[in-house]
PDB file of N, CA and C in Angstrom:
ATOM      1  N   MET A   1       1.801  -2.529 -43.278  1.00  0.00           N
ATOM      2  CA  MET A   1       1.413  -3.597 -42.194  1.00  0.00           C
ATOM      3  C   MET A   1       2.877  -4.325 -42.115  1.00  0.00           C
ATOM      4  N   PHE A   2       3.595  -4.629 -42.801  1.00  0.00           N
ATOM      5  CA  PHE A   2       4.931  -5.228 -42.858  1.00  0.00           C
ATOM      6  C   PHE A   2       6.098  -4.215 -41.883  1.00  0.00           C
ATOM      7  N   SER A   3       5.927  -2.671 -42.213  1.00  0.00           N
ATOM      8  CA  SER A   3       6.903  -1.872 -41.752  1.00  0.00           C
ATOM      9  C   SER A   3       6.527  -1.807 -40.196  1.00  0.00           C
ATOM     10  N   LYS A   4       5.217  -2.020 -39.740  1.00  0.00           N
ATOM     11  CA  LYS A   4       4.752  -1.814 -38.280  1.00  0.00           C
ATOM     12  C   LYS A   4       5.125  -3.056 -37.808  1.00  0.00           C
ATOM     13  N   PHE A   5       5.545  -4.063 -38.317  1.00  0.00           N
ATOM     14  CA  PHE A   5       5.737  -5.650 -37.797  1.00  0.00           C
ATOM     15  C   PHE A   5       7.204  -5.415 -37.549  1.00  0.00           C
ATOM     16  N   TRP A   6       8.142  -4.990 -38.629  1.00  0.00           N
ATOM     17  CA  TRP A   6       9.393  -4.700 -38.436  1.00  0.00           C
ATOM     18  C   TRP A   6       9.892  -3.880 -37.538  1.00  0.00           C
ATOM     19  N   GLU A   7       9.228  -2.761 -37.201  1.00  0.00           N
ATOM     20  CA  GLU A   7       9.347  -1.695 -36.364  1.00  0.00           C
ATOM     21  C   GLU A   7       9.273  -2.284 -34.871  1.00  0.00           C
ATOM     22  N   MET A   8       8.547  -3.243 -34.692  1.00  0.00           N
ATOM     23  CA  MET A   8       7.956  -3.622 -33.359  1.00  0.00           C
ATOM     24  C   MET A   8       9.114  -4.910 -33.120  1.00  0.00           C
ATOM     25  N   LEU A   9       9.841  -5.505 -34.290  1.00  0.00           N
ATOM     26  CA  LEU A   9      11.003  -6.286 -34.042  1.00  0.00           C
ATOM     27  C   LEU A   9      12.034  -6.098 -33.668  1.00  0.00           C
ATOM     28  N   GLN A  10      12.295  -4.535 -34.091  1.00  0.00           N
ATOM     29  CA  GLN A  10      13.380  -3.805 -33.813  1.00  0.00           C
ATOM     30  C   GLN A  10      13.529  -3.452 -32.413  1.00  0.00           C
ATOM     31  N   TRP A  11      12.143  -2.846 -31.968  1.00  0.00           N
ATOM     32  CA  TRP A  11      12.232  -2.158 -30.455  1.00  0.00           C
ATOM     33  C   TRP A  11      12.361  -3.381 -29.586  1.00  0.00           C
ATOM     34  N   ARG A  12      11.693  -4.766 -29.888  1.00  0.00           N
ATOM     35  CA  ARG A  12      11.989  -5.968 -29.175  1.00  0.00           C
ATOM     36  C   ARG A  12      13.560  -6.181 -28.915  1.00  0.00           C
ATOM     37  N   ARG A  13      14.332  -5.762 -30.409  1.00  0.00           N
ATOM     38  CA  ARG A  13      15.864  -6.413 -29.946  1.00  0.00           C
ATOM     39  C   ARG A  13      16.279  -5.211 -29.250  1.00  0.00           C
ATOM     40  N   VAL A  14      16.058  -3.974 -29.368  1.00  0.00           N
ATOM     41  CA  VAL A  14      16.760  -3.087 -28.397  1.00  0.00           C
ATOM     42  C   VAL A  14      16.319  -3.194 -26.889  1.00  0.00           C
ATOM     43  N   MET A  15      14.879  -3.573 -26.727  1.00  0.00           N
ATOM     44  CA  MET A  15      14.702  -3.868 -25.140  1.00  0.00           C
ATOM     45  C   MET A  15      15.362  -5.183 -24.899  1.00  0.00           C
ATOM     46  N   LEU A  16      15.587  -5.981 -25.672  1.00  0.00           N
ATOM     47  CA  LEU A  16      16.464  -7.304 -25.158  1.00  0.00           C
ATOM     48  C   LEU A  16      17.960  -6.931 -25.120  1.00  0.00           C
ATOM     49  N   ASN A  17      18.518  -5.800 -25.922  1.00  0.00           N
ATOM     50  CA  ASN A  17      19.569  -5.573 -25.059  1.00  0.00           C
ATOM     51  C   ASN A  17      19.964  -4.941 -24.252  1.00  0.00           C
ATOM     52  N   HIS A  18      18.999  -4.121 -24.007  1.00  0.00           N
ATOM     53  CA  HIS A  18      18.979  -3.112 -22.391  1.00  0.00           C
ATOM     54  C   HIS A  18      18.599  -4.217 -21.346  1.00  0.00           C
ATOM     55  N   SER A  19      17.796  -5.166 -21.640  1.00  0.00           N
ATOM     56  CA  SER A  19      17.614  -6.109 -20.726  1.00  0.00           C
ATOM     57  C   SER A  19      18.722  -6.753 -20.366  1.00  0.00           C
ATOM     58  N   GLU A  20      19.495  -7.444 -21.334  1.00  0.00           N
ATOM     59  CA  GLU A  20      20.744  -8.286 -21.084  1.00  0.00           C
ATOM     60  C   GLU A  20      21.860  -7.385 -20.116  1.00  0.00           C
ATOM     61  N   TRP A  21      22.128  -6.024 -20.704  1.00  0.00           N
ATOM     62  CA  TRP A  21      23.005  -5.204 -20.046  1.00  0.00           C
ATOM     63  C   TRP A  21      22.664  -5.290 -18.671  1.00  0.00           C
ATOM     64  N   PHE A  22      21.600  -5.067 -18.327  1.00  0.00           N
ATOM     65  CA  PHE A  22      20.772  -4.538 -17.051  1.00  0.00           C
ATOM     66  C   PHE A  22      21.220  -5.997 -16.229  1.00  0.00           C
ATOM     67  N   ASP A  23      20.999  -6.983 -16.901  1.00  0.00           N
ATOM     68  CA  ASP A  23      21.025  -8.499 -16.160  1.00  0.00           C
ATOM     69  C   ASP A  23      22.541  -8.628 -15.794  1.00  0.00           C
ATOM     70  N   LYS A  24      23.361  -8.103 -16.778  1.00  0.00           N
ATOM     71  CA  LYS A  24      24.962  -8.425 -16.320  1.00  0.00           C
ATOM     72  C   LYS A  24      25.388  -7.330 -15.527  1.00  0.00           C
ATOM     73  N   ASN A  25      24.986  -5.978 -15.351  1.00  0.00           N
ATOM     74  CA  ASN A  25      25.429  -5.359 -14.618  1.00  0.00           C
ATOM     75  C   ASN A  25      24.704  -5.081 -13.195  1.00  0.00           C
ATOM     76  N   GLU A  26      25.418  -5.594 -12.230  1.00  0.00           N
ATOM     77  CA  GLU A  26      25.168  -5.743 -10.788  1.00  0.00           C
ATOM     78  C   GLU A  26      25.020  -4.592 -10.218  1.00  0.00           C
ATOM     79  N   PRO A  27      25.926  -3.552 -10.227  1.00  0.00           N
ATOM     80  CA  PRO A  27      25.517  -2.247  -9.640  1.00  0.00           C
ATOM     81  C   PRO A  27      24.181  -1.333 -10.118  1.00  0.00           C
ATOM     82  N   ALA A  28      24.260  -1.503 -11.403  1.00  0.00           N
ATOM     83  CA  ALA A  28      22.882  -1.075 -12.002  1.00  0.00           C
ATOM     84  C   ALA A  28      21.442  -1.613 -11.357  1.00  0.00           C
ATOM     85  N   GLN A  29      21.663  -3.026 -10.993  1.00  0.00           N
ATOM     86  CA  GLN A  29      20.632  -3.432 -10.557  1.00  0.00           C
ATOM     87  C   GLN A  29      20.369  -3.153  -8.817  1.00  0.00           C
ATOM     88  N   ASP A  30      21.669  -3.070  -8.408  1.00  0.00           N
ATOM     89  CA  ASP A  30      21.572  -2.577  -7.098  1.00  0.00           C
ATOM     90  C   ASP A  30      20.887  -1.332  -6.637  1.00  0.00           C
ATOM     91  N   ARG A  31      21.530  -0.219  -7.444  1.00  0.00           N
ATOM     92  CA  ARG A  31      20.884   1.263  -7.766  1.00  0.00           C
ATOM     93  C   ARG A  31      19.441   1.205  -8.006  1.00  0.00           C
ATOM     94  N   PHE A  32      18.794   0.431  -8.949  1.00  0.00           N
ATOM     95  CA  PHE A  32      17.662   0.388  -9.050  1.00  0.00           C
ATOM     96  C   PHE A  32      16.679   0.044  -8.033  1.00  0.00           C
ATOM     97  N   GLU A  33      17.304  -1.136  -7.334  1.00  0.00           N
ATOM     98  CA  GLU A  33      16.305  -1.761  -6.198  1.00  0.00           C
ATOM     99  C   GLU A  33      16.683  -0.607  -4.837  1.00  0.00           C
ATOM    100  N   GLU A  34      17.396   0.259  -4.727  1.00  0.00           N
ATOM    101  CA  GLU A  34      17.508   1.159  -3.865  1.00  0.00           C
ATOM    102  C   GLU A  34      16.630   2.408  -4.162  1.00  0.00           C
ATOM    103  N   ASN A  35      16.702   2.686  -5.559  1.00  0.00           N
ATOM    104  CA  ASN A  35      15.445   3.628  -5.990  1.00  0.00           C
ATOM    105  C   ASN A  35      14.201   3.063  -5.587  1.00  0.00           C
ATOM    106  N   GLU A  36      13.891   1.738  -5.832  1.00  0.00           N
ATOM    107  CA  GLU A  36      12.497   1.425  -5.585  1.00  0.00           C
ATOM    108  C   GLU A  36      12.092   1.345  -4.095  1.00  0.00           C
ATOM    109  N   GLU A  37      13.269   1.021  -3.183  1.00  0.00           N
ATOM    110  CA  GLU A  37      12.682   0.935  -2.098  1.00  0.00           C
ATOM    111  C   GLU A  37      12.630   2.423  -1.299  1.00  0.00           C
ATOM    112  N   TRP A  38      13.551   3.352  -2.020  1.00  0.00           N
ATOM    113  CA  TRP A  38      13.249   4.882  -1.679  1.00  0.00           C
ATOM    114  C   TRP A  38      11.807   5.666  -1.904  1.00  0.00           C
ATOM    115  N   LEU A  39      11.420   5.039  -3.214  1.00  0.00           N
ATOM    116  CA  LEU A  39      10.179   5.544  -3.721  1.00  0.00           C
ATOM    117  C   LEU A  39       9.083   4.905  -2.667  1.00  0.00           C
ATOM    118  N   GLU A  40       9.203   3.581  -2.507  1.00  0.00           N
ATOM    119  CA  GLU A  40       8.138   3.100  -1.601  1.00  0.00           C
ATOM    120  C   GLU A  40       8.273   3.632  -0.290  1.00  0.00           C
ATOM    121  N   GLU A  41       9.382   3.961   0.277  1.00  0.00           N
ATOM    122  CA  GLU A  41       9.172   4.882   1.553  1.00  0.00           C
ATOM    123  C   GLU A  41       8.611   5.931   1.509  1.00  0.00           C
ATOM    124  N   LEU A  42       9.097   6.626   0.384  1.00  0.00           N
ATOM    125  CA  LEU A  42       8.199   8.351  -0.021  1.00  0.00           C
ATOM    126  C   LEU A  42       6.729   8.152  -0.126  1.00  0.00           C
ATOM    127  N   GLU A  43       6.392   7.119  -0.648  1.00  0.00           N
ATOM    128  CA  GLU A  43       4.991   6.907  -0.689  1.00  0.00           C
ATOM    129  C   GLU A  43       4.030   6.600   0.379  1.00  0.00           C
ATOM    130  N   GLU A  44       4.869   5.655   1.219  1.00  0.00           N
ATOM    131  CA  GLU A  44       4.178   5.648   2.727  1.00  0.00           C
ATOM    132  C   GLU A  44       4.276   6.903   3.237  1.00  0.00           C
ATOM    133  N   ARG A  45       5.166   7.632   3.186  1.00  0.00           N
ATOM    134  CA  ARG A  45       5.322   9.093   3.840  1.00  0.00           C
ATOM    135  C   ARG A  45       4.221   9.975   3.560  1.00  0.00           C
ATOM    136  N   VAL A  46       3.953  10.132   2.000  1.00  0.00           N
ATOM    137  CA  VAL A  46       2.948  10.972   1.376  1.00  0.00           C
ATOM    138  C   VAL A  46       1.620  10.434   2.161  1.00  0.00           C
ATOM    139  N   ASP A  47       1.460   9.091   2.014  1.00  0.00           N
ATOM    140  CA  ASP A  47       0.078   8.354   2.375  1.00  0.00           C
ATOM    141  C   ASP A  47      -0.214   9.222   3.671  1.00  0.00           C
ATOM    142  N   LYS A  48       0.679   9.069   5.023  1.00  0.00           N
ATOM    143  CA  LYS A  48       0.712   9.459   6.229  1.00  0.00           C
ATOM    144  C   LYS A  48       0.438  10.882   6.014  1.00  0.00           C
ATOM    145  N   LEU A  49       0.830  11.587   5.469  1.00  0.00           N
ATOM    146  CA  LEU A  49       0.915  12.926   5.542  1.00  0.00           C
ATOM    147  C   LEU A  49      -0.745  13.557   4.760  1.00  0.00           C
ATOM    148  N   GLU A  50      -1.159  12.767   3.921  1.00  0.00           N
ATOM    149  CA  GLU A  50      -2.425  12.573   3.579  1.00  0.00           C
ATOM    150  C   GLU A  50      -3.602  12.018   4.586  1.00  0.00           C
ATOM    151  N   GLN A  51      -3.094  11.373   5.447  1.00  0.00           N
ATOM    152  CA  GLN A  51      -4.437  11.146   6.113  1.00  0.00           C
ATOM    153  C   GLN A  51      -4.469  12.206   7.442  1.00  0.00           C
ATOM    154  N   ILE A  52      -3.094  12.841   7.854  1.00  0.00           N
ATOM    155  CA  ILE A  52      -3.261  13.786   8.959  1.00  0.00           C
ATOM    156  C   ILE A  52      -3.672  15.183   8.397  1.00  0.00           C
ATOM    157  N   ALA A  53      -3.284  15.550   6.786  1.00  0.00           N
ATOM    158  CA  ALA A  53      -3.711  16.989   6.579  1.00  0.00           C
ATOM    159  C   ALA A  53      -4.991  17.203   6.313  1.00  0.00           C
ATOM    160  N   HIS A  54      -5.128  18.556   6.699  1.00  0.00           N
ATOM    161  CA  HIS A  54      -6.757  18.940   6.534  1.00  0.00           C
ATOM    162  C   HIS A  54      -7.048  18.981   5.050  1.00  0.00           C
ATOM    163  N   PRO A  55      -8.396  18.811   4.584  1.00  0.00           N
ATOM    164  CA  PRO A  55      -8.693  19.148   3.439  1.00  0.00           C
ATOM    165  C   PRO A  55      -8.560  20.564   2.902  1.00  0.00           C
ATOM    166  N   ALA A  56      -8.280  20.978   1.722  1.00  0.00           N
ATOM    167  CA  ALA A  56      -8.187  22.168   1.355  1.00  0.00           C
ATOM    168  C   ALA A  56      -9.592  22.859   1.233  1.00  0.00           C
ATOM    169  N   LYS A  57      -9.558  24.047   2.026  1.00  0.00           N
ATOM    170  CA  LYS A  57     -10.748  24.986   2.090  1.00  0.00           C
ATOM    171  C   LYS A  57     -10.630  26.469   1.632  1.00  0.00           C
ATOM    172  N   ASP A  58     -11.318  27.220   1.605  1.00  0.00           N
ATOM    173  CA  ASP A  58     -11.343  28.349   1.505  1.00  0.00           C
ATOM    174  C   ASP A  58     -10.908  29.165   2.851  1.00  0.00           C
ATOM    175  N   ILE A  59     -10.049  30.582   2.823  1.00  0.00           N
ATOM    176  CA  ILE A  59      -9.796  31.016   4.202  1.00  0.00           C
ATOM    177  C   ILE A  59     -10.958  31.361   4.982  1.00  0.00           C
ATOM    178  N   GLU A  60     -11.978  31.882   4.330  1.00  0.00           N
ATOM    179  CA  GLU A  60     -13.107  32.040   5.119  1.00  0.00           C
ATOM    180  C   GLU A  60     -13.606  30.994   5.912  1.00  0.00           C
ATOM    181  N   LYS A  61     -13.582  29.734   5.904  1.00  0.00           N
ATOM    182  CA  LYS A  61     -14.146  28.870   6.190  1.00  0.00           C
ATOM    183  C   LYS A  61     -13.405  28.446   7.657  1.00  0.00           C
ATOM    184  N   PHE A  62     -12.179  29.186   7.574  1.00  0.00           N
ATOM    185  CA  PHE A  62     -11.437  28.547   8.842  1.00  0.00           C
ATOM    186  C   PHE A  62     -11.853  29.364  10.151  1.00  0.00           C
ATOM    187  N   GLU A  63     -11.924  28.677  11.475  1.00  0.00           N
ATOM    188  CA  GLU A  63     -12.801  29.378  12.715  1.00  0.00           C
ATOM    189  C   GLU A  63     -12.171  30.712  13.097  1.00  0.00           C
ATOM    190  N   SER A  64     -10.703  30.800  12.710  1.00  0.00           N
ATOM    191  CA  SER A  64      -9.978  31.962  13.191  1.00  0.00           C
ATOM    192  C   SER A  64     -10.226  33.172  12.054  1.00  0.00           C
ATOM    193  N   TYR A  65     -11.152  33.146  10.956  1.00  0.00           N
ATOM    194  CA  TYR A  65     -10.942  33.682   9.995  1.00  0.00           C
ATOM    195  C   TYR A  65     -11.590  35.048  10.561  1.00  0.00           C
ATOM    196  N   PRO A  66     -12.780  35.033  11.301  1.00  0.00           N
ATOM    197  CA  PRO A  66     -13.316  36.784  11.722  1.00  0.00           C
ATOM    198  C   PRO A  66     -12.557  37.440  12.822  1.00  0.00           C
ATOM    199  N   ARG A  67     -11.579  36.756  13.512  1.00  0.00           N
ATOM    200  CA  ARG A  67     -10.669  37.672  14.539  1.00  0.00           C
ATOM    201  C   ARG A  67      -9.467  37.689  13.382  1.00  0.00           C
ATOM    202  N   LEU A  68      -9.144  36.917  12.652  1.00  0.00           N
ATOM    203  CA  LEU A  68      -7.996  37.469  11.837  1.00  0.00           C
ATOM    204  C   LEU A  68      -8.438  38.791  11.040  1.00  0.00           C
ATOM    205  N   LEU A  69      -9.710  38.986  10.334  1.00  0.00           N
ATOM    206  CA  LEU A  69     -10.188  40.155   9.676  1.00  0.00           C
ATOM    207  C   LEU A  69     -10.388  41.304  10.573  1.00  0.00           C
ATOM    208  N   GLU A  70     -10.889  40.880  11.584  1.00  0.00           N
ATOM    209  CA  GLU A  70     -11.017  42.016  12.717  1.00  0.00           C
ATOM    210  C   GLU A  70      -9.362  42.766  12.996  1.00  0.00           C
ATOM    211  N   THR A  71      -8.468  41.708  13.156  1.00  0.00           N
ATOM    212  CA  THR A  71      -7.278  42.127  13.540  1.00  0.00           C
ATOM    213  C   THR A  71      -6.434  43.178  12.458  1.00  0.00           C
ATOM    214  N   ILE A  72      -6.678  42.626  11.051  1.00  0.00           N
ATOM    215  CA  ILE A  72      -6.565  43.224   9.999  1.00  0.00           C
ATOM    216  C   ILE A  72      -6.928  44.672  10.099  1.00  0.00           C
ATOM    217  N   LYS A  73      -8.631  44.982  10.308  1.00  0.00           N
ATOM    218  CA  LYS A  73      -9.103  45.859   9.947  1.00  0.00           C
ATOM    219  C   LYS A  73      -8.335  46.925  11.217  1.00  0.00           C
ATOM    220  N   GLN A  74      -8.497  46.454  12.390  1.00  0.00           N
ATOM    221  CA  GLN A  74      -7.900  47.180  13.306  1.00  0.00           C
ATOM    222  C   GLN A  74      -6.195  47.914  13.417  1.00  0.00           C
ATOM    223  N   LEU A  75      -5.136  46.931  12.554  1.00  0.00           N
ATOM    224  CA  LEU A  75      -3.991  47.585  12.297  1.00  0.00           C
ATOM    225  C   LEU A  75      -4.152  48.480  11.213  1.00  0.00           C
ATOM    226  N   ALA A  76      -4.997  48.389  10.439  1.00  0.00           N
ATOM    227  CA  ALA A  76      -5.453  49.339   9.131  1.00  0.00           C
ATOM    228  C   ALA A  76      -5.649  50.634   9.790  1.00  0.00           C
ATOM    229  N   ARG A  77      -6.707  50.617  10.874  1.00  0.00           N
ATOM    230  CA  ARG A  77      -7.104  51.750  11.406  1.00  0.00           C
ATOM    231  C   ARG A  77      -6.122  52.693  12.104  1.00  0.00           C
ATOM    232  N   GLU A  78      -5.242  51.757  13.244  1.00  0.00           N
ATOM    233  CA  GLU A  78      -4.055  52.461  13.817  1.00  0.00           C
ATOM    234  C   GLU A  78      -2.941  53.030  12.751  1.00  0.00           C
ATOM    235  N   GLU A  79      -2.882  52.189  11.495  1.00  0.00           N
ATOM    236  CA  GLU A  79      -1.884  52.815  10.521  1.00  0.00           C
ATOM    237  C   GLU A  79      -2.287  54.290  10.116  1.00  0.00           C
ATOM    238  N   ILE A  80      -3.728  54.078   9.690  1.00  0.00           N
ATOM    239  CA  ILE A  80      -4.574  55.413   8.958  1.00  0.00           C
ATOM    240  C   ILE A  80      -4.312  56.419  10.157  1.00  0.00           C
ATOM    241  N   GLY A  81      -4.682  55.939  11.551  1.00  0.00           N
ATOM    242  CA  GLY A  81      -4.704  57.205  12.470  1.00  0.00           C
ATOM    243  C   GLY A  81      -2.916  57.743  12.660  1.00  0.00           C
ATOM    244  N   ARG A  82      -2.016  56.891  12.530  1.00  0.00           N
ATOM    245  CA  ARG A  82      -0.605  56.958  12.764  1.00  0.00           C
ATOM    246  C   ARG A  82      -0.482  58.241  11.381  1.00  0.00           C
ATOM    247  N   ALA A  83      -0.789  57.840  10.249  1.00  0.00           N
ATOM    248  CA  ALA A  83      -0.658  58.717   9.192  1.00  0.00           C
ATOM    249  C   ALA A  83      -0.883  60.196   9.196  1.00  0.00           C
ATOM    250  N   THR A  84      -2.193  59.659   9.675  1.00  0.00           N
ATOM    251  CA  THR A  84      -2.946  61.129   9.686  1.00  0.00           C
ATOM    252  C   THR A  84      -2.649  62.195  10.780  1.00  0.00           C
ATOM    253  N   ALA A  85      -2.076  61.500  11.881  1.00  0.00           N
ATOM    254  CA  ALA A  85      -1.080  62.224  12.775  1.00  0.00           C
ATOM    255  C   ALA A  85      -0.184  62.756  12.284  1.00  0.00           C
ATOM    256  N   GLU A  86       0.804  62.066  12.064  1.00  0.00           N
ATOM    257  CA  GLU A  86       2.314  62.463  11.148  1.00  0.00           C
ATOM    258  C   GLU A  86       1.742  63.765  10.250  1.00  0.00           C
ATOM    259  N   LYS A  87       0.929  63.700   9.416  1.00  0.00           N
ATOM    260  CA  LYS A  87       0.402  64.487   8.512  1.00  0.00           C
ATOM    261  C   LYS A  87       0.245  65.850   9.181  1.00  0.00           C
ATOM    262  N   VAL A  88      -0.956  65.790  10.101  1.00  0.00           N
ATOM    263  CA  VAL A  88      -1.140  66.875  10.616  1.00  0.00           C
ATOM    264  C   VAL A  88      -0.003  67.631  11.677  1.00  0.00           C
ATOM    265  N   ASN A  89       1.049  66.845  12.278  1.00  0.00           N
ATOM    266  CA  ASN A  89       2.120  67.219  13.034  1.00  0.00           C
ATOM    267  C   ASN A  89       2.948  68.159  12.105  1.00  0.00           C
ATOM    268  N   SER A  90       3.310  67.326  10.607  1.00  0.00           N
ATOM    269  CA  SER A  90       4.161  67.961   9.762  1.00  0.00           C
ATOM    270  C   SER A  90       3.525  69.421   9.374  1.00  0.00           C
ATOM    271  N   GLU A  91       2.404  69.344   9.270  1.00  0.00           N
ATOM    272  CA  GLU A  91       1.582  70.977   8.896  1.00  0.00           C
ATOM    273  C   GLU A  91       1.901  71.587   9.767  1.00  0.00           C
ATOM    274  N   LYS A  92       1.664  71.507  10.950  1.00  0.00           N
ATOM    275  CA  LYS A  92       2.088  72.543  12.071  1.00  0.00           C
ATOM    276  C   LYS A  92       3.431  72.917  12.124  1.00  0.00           C
ATOM    277  N   GLN A  93       4.313  72.154  11.552  1.00  0.00           N
ATOM    278  CA  GLN A  93       5.701  72.715  11.896  1.00  0.00           C
ATOM    279  C   GLN A  93       5.987  73.865  10.815  1.00  0.00           C
TER     280      GLN A  93
END
């Protein structure tokens, strides 16, 4: 139990030393404040993006999915037809 208490006192001393350094070091304080303001700005921007972003959903649930699927099928049919025609033409030669 005494060892835990001693450890806590050591940590307190270290934290106070860091705190005193920070209080004396004005450029570090300024930089910390700049970072804090920047993080607040980023948080606001993320909040705005979350408000306008659509919720995640599967591709099948999008309105244009059937049209996309049909386009892919049509392109596949055209490619198969083109490959077949090339094969027939190469066999004739």
